[in-house]
PDB file of N, CA and C in Angstrom:
ATOM      1  N   MET A   1      -5.258 -20.658  -1.727  1.00  0.00           N
ATOM      2  CA  MET A   1      -5.523 -18.665  -1.671  1.00  0.00           C
ATOM      3  C   MET A   1      -5.927 -19.490   0.205  1.00  0.00           C
ATOM      4  N   SER A   2      -6.821 -20.465   0.474  1.00  0.00           N
ATOM      5  CA  SER A   2      -6.603 -20.113   1.974  1.00  0.00           C
ATOM      6  C   SER A   2      -6.124 -20.041   2.789  1.00  0.00           C
ATOM      7  N   THR A   3      -4.408 -20.983   2.265  1.00  0.00           N
ATOM      8  CA  THR A   3      -3.493 -20.864   3.329  1.00  0.00           C
ATOM      9  C   THR A   3      -2.468 -19.164   3.483  1.00  0.00           C
ATOM     10  N   LEU A   4      -3.316 -18.571   1.831  1.00  0.00           N
ATOM     11  CA  LEU A   4      -2.518 -16.982   1.662  1.00  0.00           C
ATOM     12  C   LEU A   4      -3.420 -16.346   3.153  1.00  0.00           C
ATOM     13  N   ILE A   5      -4.497 -16.543   3.240  1.00  0.00           N
ATOM     14  CA  ILE A   5      -6.121 -15.801   4.244  1.00  0.00           C
ATOM     15  C   ILE A   5      -5.763 -15.731   5.088  1.00  0.00           C
ATOM     16  N   THR A   6      -5.269 -17.462   6.158  1.00  0.00           N
ATOM     17  CA  THR A   6      -4.577 -17.796   7.457  1.00  0.00           C
ATOM     18  C   THR A   6      -3.429 -17.053   7.785  1.00  0.00           C
ATOM     19  N   ILE A   7      -2.116 -16.680   6.860  1.00  0.00           N
ATOM     20  CA  ILE A   7      -1.416 -15.980   7.160  1.00  0.00           C
ATOM     21  C   ILE A   7      -1.662 -14.719   7.270  1.00  0.00           C
ATOM     22  N   ILE A   8      -2.233 -13.835   5.965  1.00  0.00           N
ATOM     23  CA  ILE A   8      -3.145 -12.544   6.515  1.00  0.00           C
ATOM     24  C   ILE A   8      -3.791 -12.356   7.606  1.00  0.00           C
ATOM     25  N   GLY A   9      -4.466 -12.871   8.200  1.00  0.00           N
ATOM     26  CA  GLY A   9      -5.359 -12.904   9.317  1.00  0.00           C
ATOM     27  C   GLY A   9      -4.080 -13.198  10.140  1.00  0.00           C
ATOM     28  N   MET A  10      -2.829 -14.018  10.340  1.00  0.00           N
ATOM     29  CA  MET A  10      -1.903 -14.284  11.827  1.00  0.00           C
ATOM     30  C   MET A  10      -1.397 -13.363  11.475  1.00  0.00           C
ATOM     31  N   ILE A  11      -1.372 -12.072  10.757  1.00  0.00           N
ATOM     32  CA  ILE A  11      -0.226 -11.104  10.855  1.00  0.00           C
ATOM     33  C   ILE A  11      -1.167  -9.869  10.886  1.00  0.00           C
ATOM     34  N   GLY A  12      -2.537  -9.790  10.743  1.00  0.00           N
ATOM     35  CA  GLY A  12      -3.913  -8.675  11.283  1.00  0.00           C
ATOM     36  C   GLY A  12      -3.669  -9.183  12.923  1.00  0.00           C
ATOM     37  N   ALA A  13      -3.668 -10.479  13.884  1.00  0.00           N
ATOM     38  CA  ALA A  13      -3.638 -10.800  14.916  1.00  0.00           C
ATOM     39  C   ALA A  13      -2.424 -10.497  15.470  1.00  0.00           C
ATOM     40  N   VAL A  14      -1.279 -11.170  15.191  1.00  0.00           N
ATOM     41  CA  VAL A  14      -0.121 -10.407  15.832  1.00  0.00           C
ATOM     42  C   VAL A  14       0.309  -9.112  15.998  1.00  0.00           C
ATOM     43  N   VAL A  15      -0.693  -8.158  14.474  1.00  0.00           N
ATOM     44  CA  VAL A  15       0.362  -6.718  14.633  1.00  0.00           C
ATOM     45  C   VAL A  15      -0.624  -5.629  15.496  1.00  0.00           C
ATOM     46  N   LEU A  16      -2.397  -6.523  15.651  1.00  0.00           N
ATOM     47  CA  LEU A  16      -3.473  -5.453  16.722  1.00  0.00           C
ATOM     48  C   LEU A  16      -2.065  -5.773  18.261  1.00  0.00           C
ATOM     49  N   LEU A  17      -1.731  -6.804  18.261  1.00  0.00           N
ATOM     50  CA  LEU A  17      -1.891  -7.761  19.865  1.00  0.00           C
ATOM     51  C   LEU A  17      -0.530  -6.378  19.872  1.00  0.00           C
ATOM     52  N   TYR A  18       0.170  -6.635  18.727  1.00  0.00           N
ATOM     53  CA  TYR A  18       1.906  -5.855  19.080  1.00  0.00           C
ATOM     54  C   TYR A  18       2.284  -4.070  19.425  1.00  0.00           C
ATOM     55  N   GLY A  19       0.176  -3.758  19.107  1.00  0.00           N
ATOM     56  CA  GLY A  19       0.571  -2.234  18.873  1.00  0.00           C
ATOM     57  C   GLY A  19      -0.325  -2.006  20.281  1.00  0.00           C
ATOM     58  N   TYR A  20      -1.444  -2.985  20.821  1.00  0.00           N
ATOM     59  CA  TYR A  20      -1.592  -3.118  22.663  1.00  0.00           C
ATOM     60  C   TYR A  20      -0.445  -2.876  23.334  1.00  0.00           C
ATOM     61  N   ALA A  21       0.488  -3.926  22.917  1.00  0.00           N
ATOM     62  CA  ALA A  21       1.141  -4.847  24.275  1.00  0.00           C
ATOM     63  C   ALA A  21       1.950  -2.748  23.787  1.00  0.00           C
ATOM     64  N   MET A  22       2.524  -2.505  22.314  1.00  0.00           N
ATOM     65  CA  MET A  22       3.068  -1.377  23.089  1.00  0.00           C
ATOM     66  C   MET A  22       2.775  -0.434  23.477  1.00  0.00           C
ATOM     67  N   VAL A  23       1.459   0.213  23.445  1.00  0.00           N
ATOM     68  CA  VAL A  23       1.196   0.721  24.210  1.00  0.00           C
ATOM     69  C   VAL A  23       0.816   0.880  25.831  1.00  0.00           C
ATOM     70  N   SER A  24       0.140  -0.491  26.001  1.00  0.00           N
ATOM     71  CA  SER A  24      -0.086  -0.995  27.770  1.00  0.00           C
ATOM     72  C   SER A  24       1.639  -0.921  27.752  1.00  0.00           C
ATOM     73  N   ALA A  25       2.620  -1.164  27.328  1.00  0.00           N
ATOM     74  CA  ALA A  25       3.914  -1.001  28.450  1.00  0.00           C
ATOM     75  C   ALA A  25       4.739   0.726  27.564  1.00  0.00           C
ATOM     76  N   ARG A  26       3.864   1.752  27.003  1.00  0.00           N
ATOM     77  CA  ARG A  26       3.782   2.601  26.969  1.00  0.00           C
ATOM     78  C   ARG A  26       5.278   3.232  26.518  1.00  0.00           C
ATOM     79  N   LYS A  27       5.597   2.340  25.154  1.00  0.00           N
ATOM     80  CA  LYS A  27       5.910   2.334  24.378  1.00  0.00           C
ATOM     81  C   LYS A  27       5.975   3.374  23.082  1.00  0.00           C
ATOM     82  N   LEU A  28       4.491   3.323  23.032  1.00  0.00           N
ATOM     83  CA  LEU A  28       3.286   4.238  21.635  1.00  0.00           C
ATOM     84  C   LEU A  28       2.776   5.042  22.528  1.00  0.00           C
ATOM     85  N   ALA A  29       2.546   6.407  22.227  1.00  0.00           N
ATOM     86  CA  ALA A  29       1.032   7.307  22.513  1.00  0.00           C
ATOM     87  C   ALA A  29      -0.002   6.156  21.528  1.00  0.00           C
ATOM     88  N   GLY A  30      -0.973   5.684  21.858  1.00  0.00           N
ATOM     89  CA  GLY A  30      -2.356   5.712  22.189  1.00  0.00           C
ATOM     90  C   GLY A  30      -3.052   6.125  21.022  1.00  0.00           C
ATOM     91  N   ASP A  31      -2.253   7.885  21.140  1.00  0.00           N
ATOM     92  CA  ASP A  31      -3.260   8.343  19.885  1.00  0.00           C
ATOM     93  C   ASP A  31      -2.339   8.751  18.799  1.00  0.00           C
ATOM     94  N   GLY A  32      -1.137   8.064  18.601  1.00  0.00           N
ATOM     95  CA  GLY A  32      -0.144   8.664  17.666  1.00  0.00           C
ATOM     96  C   GLY A  32      -0.030   7.560  16.504  1.00  0.00           C
ATOM     97  N   LEU A  33       0.437   8.477  15.372  1.00  0.00           N
ATOM     98  CA  LEU A  33       0.124   7.523  13.963  1.00  0.00           C
ATOM     99  C   LEU A  33       0.625   6.258  14.380  1.00  0.00           C
ATOM    100  N   PRO A  34       1.992   5.693  15.230  1.00  0.00           N
ATOM    101  CA  PRO A  34       2.075   4.705  15.089  1.00  0.00           C
ATOM    102  C   PRO A  34       1.208   3.339  14.967  1.00  0.00           C
ATOM    103  N   TYR A  35       0.927   3.574  16.753  1.00  0.00           N
ATOM    104  CA  TYR A  35      -0.366   2.844  16.538  1.00  0.00           C
ATOM    105  C   TYR A  35      -1.254   2.322  16.048  1.00  0.00           C
ATOM    106  N   GLN A  36      -2.155   4.570  15.731  1.00  0.00           N
ATOM    107  CA  GLN A  36      -3.360   3.600  14.547  1.00  0.00           C
ATOM    108  C   GLN A  36      -2.966   3.198  13.519  1.00  0.00           C
ATOM    109  N   LEU A  37      -1.953   3.446  12.476  1.00  0.00           N
ATOM    110  CA  LEU A  37      -1.627   2.650  11.340  1.00  0.00           C
ATOM    111  C   LEU A  37      -1.865   0.929  11.718  1.00  0.00           C
ATOM    112  N   LEU A  38      -0.832   0.902  12.757  1.00  0.00           N
ATOM    113  CA  LEU A  38      -1.399  -0.807  13.201  1.00  0.00           C
ATOM    114  C   LEU A  38      -2.144  -1.144  13.656  1.00  0.00           C
ATOM    115  N   ASN A  39      -3.241  -0.282  14.363  1.00  0.00           N
ATOM    116  CA  ASN A  39      -4.335  -0.786  14.540  1.00  0.00           C
ATOM    117  C   ASN A  39      -5.252  -1.079  13.014  1.00  0.00           C
ATOM    118  N   LEU A  40      -5.101   0.410  11.735  1.00  0.00           N
ATOM    119  CA  LEU A  40      -5.144   0.098  10.677  1.00  0.00           C
ATOM    120  C   LEU A  40      -5.452  -0.935  10.533  1.00  0.00           C
ATOM    121  N   GLY A  41      -4.417  -1.881   9.909  1.00  0.00           N
ATOM    122  CA  GLY A  41      -3.237  -2.978   9.243  1.00  0.00           C
ATOM    123  C   GLY A  41      -3.990  -3.719   9.396  1.00  0.00           C
ATOM    124  N   GLY A  42      -3.491  -3.860  11.181  1.00  0.00           N
ATOM    125  CA  GLY A  42      -4.724  -5.804  11.137  1.00  0.00           C
ATOM    126  C   GLY A  42      -5.612  -5.784  11.155  1.00  0.00           C
ATOM    127  N   GLY A  43      -6.571  -4.644  11.547  1.00  0.00           N
ATOM    128  CA  GLY A  43      -8.090  -4.380  11.701  1.00  0.00           C
ATOM    129  C   GLY A  43      -8.399  -5.200   9.728  1.00  0.00           C
ATOM    130  N   ILE A  44      -8.364  -4.471   9.160  1.00  0.00           N
ATOM    131  CA  ILE A  44      -7.959  -4.404   7.597  1.00  0.00           C
ATOM    132  C   ILE A  44      -7.641  -6.059   7.722  1.00  0.00           C
ATOM    133  N   ALA A  45      -6.559  -6.633   7.798  1.00  0.00           N
ATOM    134  CA  ALA A  45      -6.193  -8.369   7.711  1.00  0.00           C
ATOM    135  C   ALA A  45      -7.201  -8.962   8.169  1.00  0.00           C
ATOM    136  N   LEU A  46      -7.518  -8.802   9.583  1.00  0.00           N
ATOM    137  CA  LEU A  46      -8.469  -9.516  10.095  1.00  0.00           C
ATOM    138  C   LEU A  46      -9.921  -9.491   9.155  1.00  0.00           C
ATOM    139  N   MET A  47     -10.475  -8.316   8.889  1.00  0.00           N
ATOM    140  CA  MET A  47     -11.549  -7.884   8.154  1.00  0.00           C
ATOM    141  C   MET A  47     -10.848  -9.300   7.010  1.00  0.00           C
ATOM    142  N   ILE A  48     -10.584  -9.158   6.602  1.00  0.00           N
ATOM    143  CA  ILE A  48      -9.970  -9.855   4.878  1.00  0.00           C
ATOM    144  C   ILE A  48     -10.090 -11.709   5.034  1.00  0.00           C
ATOM    145  N   ASN A  49      -9.590 -12.533   6.407  1.00  0.00           N
ATOM    146  CA  ASN A  49      -8.973 -13.519   6.817  1.00  0.00           C
ATOM    147  C   ASN A  49     -10.584 -13.833   7.478  1.00  0.00           C
ATOM    148  N   SER A  50     -11.964 -12.522   8.157  1.00  0.00           N
ATOM    149  CA  SER A  50     -12.486 -12.858   8.090  1.00  0.00           C
ATOM    150  C   SER A  50     -13.864 -13.133   7.148  1.00  0.00           C
ATOM    151  N   ALA A  51     -14.146 -11.986   6.480  1.00  0.00           N
ATOM    152  CA  ALA A  51     -14.673 -12.186   5.315  1.00  0.00           C
ATOM    153  C   ALA A  51     -14.537 -13.592   4.502  1.00  0.00           C
ATOM    154  N   TYR A  52     -13.239 -13.533   4.402  1.00  0.00           N
ATOM    155  CA  TYR A  52     -12.928 -15.261   3.044  1.00  0.00           C
ATOM    156  C   TYR A  52     -13.920 -16.603   3.983  1.00  0.00           C
ATOM    157  N   HIS A  53     -13.622 -16.272   5.374  1.00  0.00           N
ATOM    158  CA  HIS A  53     -14.316 -17.407   6.117  1.00  0.00           C
ATOM    159  C   HIS A  53     -15.292 -17.381   6.171  1.00  0.00           C
ATOM    160  N   SER A  54     -16.329 -16.145   5.981  1.00  0.00           N
ATOM    161  CA  SER A  54     -17.432 -15.916   6.268  1.00  0.00           C
ATOM    162  C   SER A  54     -18.192 -16.071   7.440  1.00  0.00           C
ATOM    163  N   ALA A  55     -17.081 -14.968   7.946  1.00  0.00           N
ATOM    164  CA  ALA A  55     -17.291 -15.122   9.830  1.00  0.00           C
ATOM    165  C   ALA A  55     -17.464 -13.485   9.605  1.00  0.00           C
ATOM    166  N   TRP A  56     -18.825 -13.293   9.279  1.00  0.00           N
ATOM    167  CA  TRP A  56     -19.624 -12.216   8.863  1.00  0.00           C
ATOM    168  C   TRP A  56     -19.584 -10.863  10.418  1.00  0.00           C
ATOM    169  N   PRO A  57     -20.308 -11.482  11.498  1.00  0.00           N
ATOM    170  CA  PRO A  57     -20.007 -10.320  12.363  1.00  0.00           C
ATOM    171  C   PRO A  57     -18.818  -9.783  12.850  1.00  0.00           C
ATOM    172  N   SER A  58     -17.407 -10.728  12.528  1.00  0.00           N
ATOM    173  CA  SER A  58     -16.128 -10.296  13.499  1.00  0.00           C
ATOM    174  C   SER A  58     -15.330  -9.295  11.918  1.00  0.00           C
ATOM    175  N   ALA A  59     -15.948 -10.354  10.706  1.00  0.00           N
ATOM    176  CA  ALA A  59     -15.224  -9.219  10.028  1.00  0.00           C
ATOM    177  C   ALA A  59     -16.351  -7.634  10.196  1.00  0.00           C
ATOM    178  N   ILE A  60     -17.425  -7.919   9.879  1.00  0.00           N
ATOM    179  CA  ILE A  60     -18.115  -5.938  10.396  1.00  0.00           C
ATOM    180  C   ILE A  60     -17.658  -5.624  11.552  1.00  0.00           C
ATOM    181  N   LEU A  61     -17.580  -6.142  12.722  1.00  0.00           N
ATOM    182  CA  LEU A  61     -16.375  -5.524  13.923  1.00  0.00           C
ATOM    183  C   LEU A  61     -15.164  -4.730  12.973  1.00  0.00           C
ATOM    184  N   ASN A  62     -13.743  -5.876  12.322  1.00  0.00           N
ATOM    185  CA  ASN A  62     -12.912  -5.299  11.814  1.00  0.00           C
ATOM    186  C   ASN A  62     -12.854  -5.027  11.008  1.00  0.00           C
ATOM    187  N   MET A  63     -14.049  -4.269  10.154  1.00  0.00           N
ATOM    188  CA  MET A  63     -14.344  -3.259   9.578  1.00  0.00           C
ATOM    189  C   MET A  63     -14.492  -1.321  10.110  1.00  0.00           C
ATOM    190  N   VAL A  64     -15.388  -2.408  10.574  1.00  0.00           N
ATOM    191  CA  VAL A  64     -15.074  -0.428  12.031  1.00  0.00           C
ATOM    192  C   VAL A  64     -14.545  -0.148  12.721  1.00  0.00           C
ATOM    193  N   TRP A  65     -13.701  -1.275  12.844  1.00  0.00           N
ATOM    194  CA  TRP A  65     -11.772  -1.068  13.495  1.00  0.00           C
ATOM    195  C   TRP A  65     -11.474  -0.526  12.701  1.00  0.00           C
ATOM    196  N   GLY A  66     -11.659  -0.495  11.132  1.00  0.00           N
ATOM    197  CA  GLY A  66     -10.846  -0.029  10.988  1.00  0.00           C
ATOM    198  C   GLY A  66     -11.109   1.101  10.315  1.00  0.00           C
ATOM    199  N   GLY A  67     -12.062   1.596  10.116  1.00  0.00           N
ATOM    200  CA  GLY A  67     -13.022   3.279   9.993  1.00  0.00           C
ATOM    201  C   GLY A  67     -12.476   4.005  11.190  1.00  0.00           C
ATOM    202  N   VAL A  68     -12.527   3.637  12.436  1.00  0.00           N
ATOM    203  CA  VAL A  68     -12.277   3.980  13.642  1.00  0.00           C
ATOM    204  C   VAL A  68     -10.994   4.612  13.766  1.00  0.00           C
ATOM    205  N   GLY A  69      -9.584   3.594  12.793  1.00  0.00           N
ATOM    206  CA  GLY A  69      -8.065   3.772  12.890  1.00  0.00           C
ATOM    207  C   GLY A  69      -8.413   5.179  12.014  1.00  0.00           C
ATOM    208  N   VAL A  70      -8.700   4.972  10.200  1.00  0.00           N
ATOM    209  CA  VAL A  70      -9.213   5.677   9.623  1.00  0.00           C
ATOM    210  C   VAL A  70      -9.536   7.338  10.151  1.00  0.00           C
ATOM    211  N   VAL A  71     -10.353   7.117  11.042  1.00  0.00           N
ATOM    212  CA  VAL A  71     -10.998   8.670  11.499  1.00  0.00           C
ATOM    213  C   VAL A  71      -9.491   8.535  12.009  1.00  0.00           C
ATOM    214  N   ALA A  72      -9.154   8.188  12.989  1.00  0.00           N
ATOM    215  CA  ALA A  72      -7.673   8.547  14.431  1.00  0.00           C
ATOM    216  C   ALA A  72      -6.867   8.908  13.477  1.00  0.00           C
ATOM    217  N   ILE A  73      -6.706   8.441  11.980  1.00  0.00           N
ATOM    218  CA  ILE A  73      -5.312   9.019  11.081  1.00  0.00           C
ATOM    219  C   ILE A  73      -5.439  10.170  10.817  1.00  0.00           C
ATOM    220  N   GLY A  74      -7.120  10.636  10.716  1.00  0.00           N
ATOM    221  CA  GLY A  74      -6.868  11.691   9.753  1.00  0.00           C
ATOM    222  C   GLY A  74      -6.887  12.635  10.225  1.00  0.00           C
ATOM    223  N   ARG A  75      -6.907  12.630  12.001  1.00  0.00           N
ATOM    224  CA  ARG A  75      -7.217  13.358  13.372  1.00  0.00           C
ATOM    225  C   ARG A  75      -5.803  13.725  13.291  1.00  0.00           C
ATOM    226  N   VAL A  76      -5.285  12.964  13.735  1.00  0.00           N
ATOM    227  CA  VAL A  76      -3.462  13.099  13.810  1.00  0.00           C
ATOM    228  C   VAL A  76      -2.806  13.725  12.717  1.00  0.00           C
ATOM    229  N   ALA A  77      -3.513  13.634  11.047  1.00  0.00           N
ATOM    230  CA  ALA A  77      -3.062  14.651   9.839  1.00  0.00           C
ATOM    231  C   ALA A  77      -3.117  16.177   9.972  1.00  0.00           C
ATOM    232  N   ALA A  78      -4.352  15.998  10.938  1.00  0.00           N
ATOM    233  CA  ALA A  78      -4.667  17.436  10.716  1.00  0.00           C
ATOM    234  C   ALA A  78      -3.894  17.689  11.712  1.00  0.00           C
ATOM    235  N   ARG A  79      -4.302  17.945  13.254  1.00  0.00           N
ATOM    236  CA  ARG A  79      -3.323  18.111  14.112  1.00  0.00           C
ATOM    237  C   ARG A  79      -1.813  18.665  13.881  1.00  0.00           C
ATOM    238  N   ARG A  80      -1.179  18.206  13.373  1.00  0.00           N
ATOM    239  CA  ARG A  80       0.081  18.297  12.573  1.00  0.00           C
ATOM    240  C   ARG A  80      -0.162  19.102  11.658  1.00  0.00           C
ATOM    241  N   ALA A  81      -0.982  19.640  10.132  1.00  0.00           N
ATOM    242  CA  ALA A  81      -0.931  19.899   9.851  1.00  0.00           C
ATOM    243  C   ALA A  81      -1.486  21.503  10.279  1.00  0.00           C
ATOM    244  N   ALA A  82      -1.974  21.489  11.329  1.00  0.00           N
ATOM    245  CA  ALA A  82      -2.457  23.005  12.385  1.00  0.00           C
ATOM    246  C   ALA A  82      -0.861  22.960  12.670  1.00  0.00           C
ATOM    247  N   GLY A  83      -0.675  21.836  12.994  1.00  0.00           N
ATOM    248  CA  GLY A  83       1.132  22.554  13.681  1.00  0.00           C
ATOM    249  C   GLY A  83       1.769  22.790  12.731  1.00  0.00           C
ATOM    250  N   HIS A  84       2.347  22.705  11.656  1.00  0.00           N
ATOM    251  CA  HIS A  84       2.486  23.379  10.962  1.00  0.00           C
ATOM    252  C   HIS A  84       2.285  24.251  10.346  1.00  0.00           C
ATOM    253  N   ALA A  85       0.736  24.628  10.335  1.00  0.00           N
ATOM    254  CA  ALA A  85       0.987  26.146   9.949  1.00  0.00           C
ATOM    255  C   ALA A  85       0.979  27.269  10.726  1.00  0.00           C
ATOM    256  N   ALA A  86       0.756  26.767  12.370  1.00  0.00           N
ATOM    257  CA  ALA A  86       0.950  27.428  13.295  1.00  0.00           C
ATOM    258  C   ALA A  86       2.944  28.043  13.603  1.00  0.00           C
ATOM    259  N   GLY A  87       3.496  27.592  12.380  1.00  0.00           N
ATOM    260  CA  GLY A  87       5.049  27.063  13.124  1.00  0.00           C
ATOM    261  C   GLY A  87       5.661  26.534  13.605  1.00  0.00           C
ATOM    262  N   ARG A  88       4.593  25.595  14.684  1.00  0.00           N
ATOM    263  CA  ARG A  88       4.875  24.950  15.833  1.00  0.00           C
ATOM    264  C   ARG A  88       5.108  23.393  15.524  1.00  0.00           C
ATOM    265  N   ARG A  89       6.199  22.777  16.567  1.00  0.00           N
ATOM    266  CA  ARG A  89       6.491  21.659  16.504  1.00  0.00           C
ATOM    267  C   ARG A  89       5.690  20.358  15.910  1.00  0.00           C
ATOM    268  N   PRO A  90       4.951  20.293  14.244  1.00  0.00           N
ATOM    269  CA  PRO A  90       3.967  18.279  15.130  1.00  0.00           C
ATOM    270  C   PRO A  90       3.956  17.513  16.262  1.00  0.00           C
ATOM    271  N   GLY A  91       2.657  17.260  16.561  1.00  0.00           N
ATOM    272  CA  GLY A  91       2.405  15.959  17.957  1.00  0.00           C
ATOM    273  C   GLY A  91       2.333  14.743  17.276  1.00  0.00           C
ATOM    274  N   PRO A  92       2.412  13.925  18.406  1.00  0.00           N
ATOM    275  CA  PRO A  92       2.579  13.060  17.876  1.00  0.00           C
ATOM    276  C   PRO A  92       1.944  12.338  16.565  1.00  0.00           C
TER     277      PRO A  92
END
């Protein structure tokens, strides 16, 4: 089980770093759905790893990070829904 949790944590770290690198390189928009999904997935993976290892400050940080991702995804979804209702093409 420990190996699986380590793999989950490593994947989470890579996902977060990938998202950050893509935004920094201007390949992804920081307020777009792909970046927010990367943040959410990476944060959840690191939260699982941190909680398993009883690293509670890190686990809580990543839980909050995931919460921010959920709120941001909700905003993107609302923006897209408003665009559809107005007959416009949705933004990122």
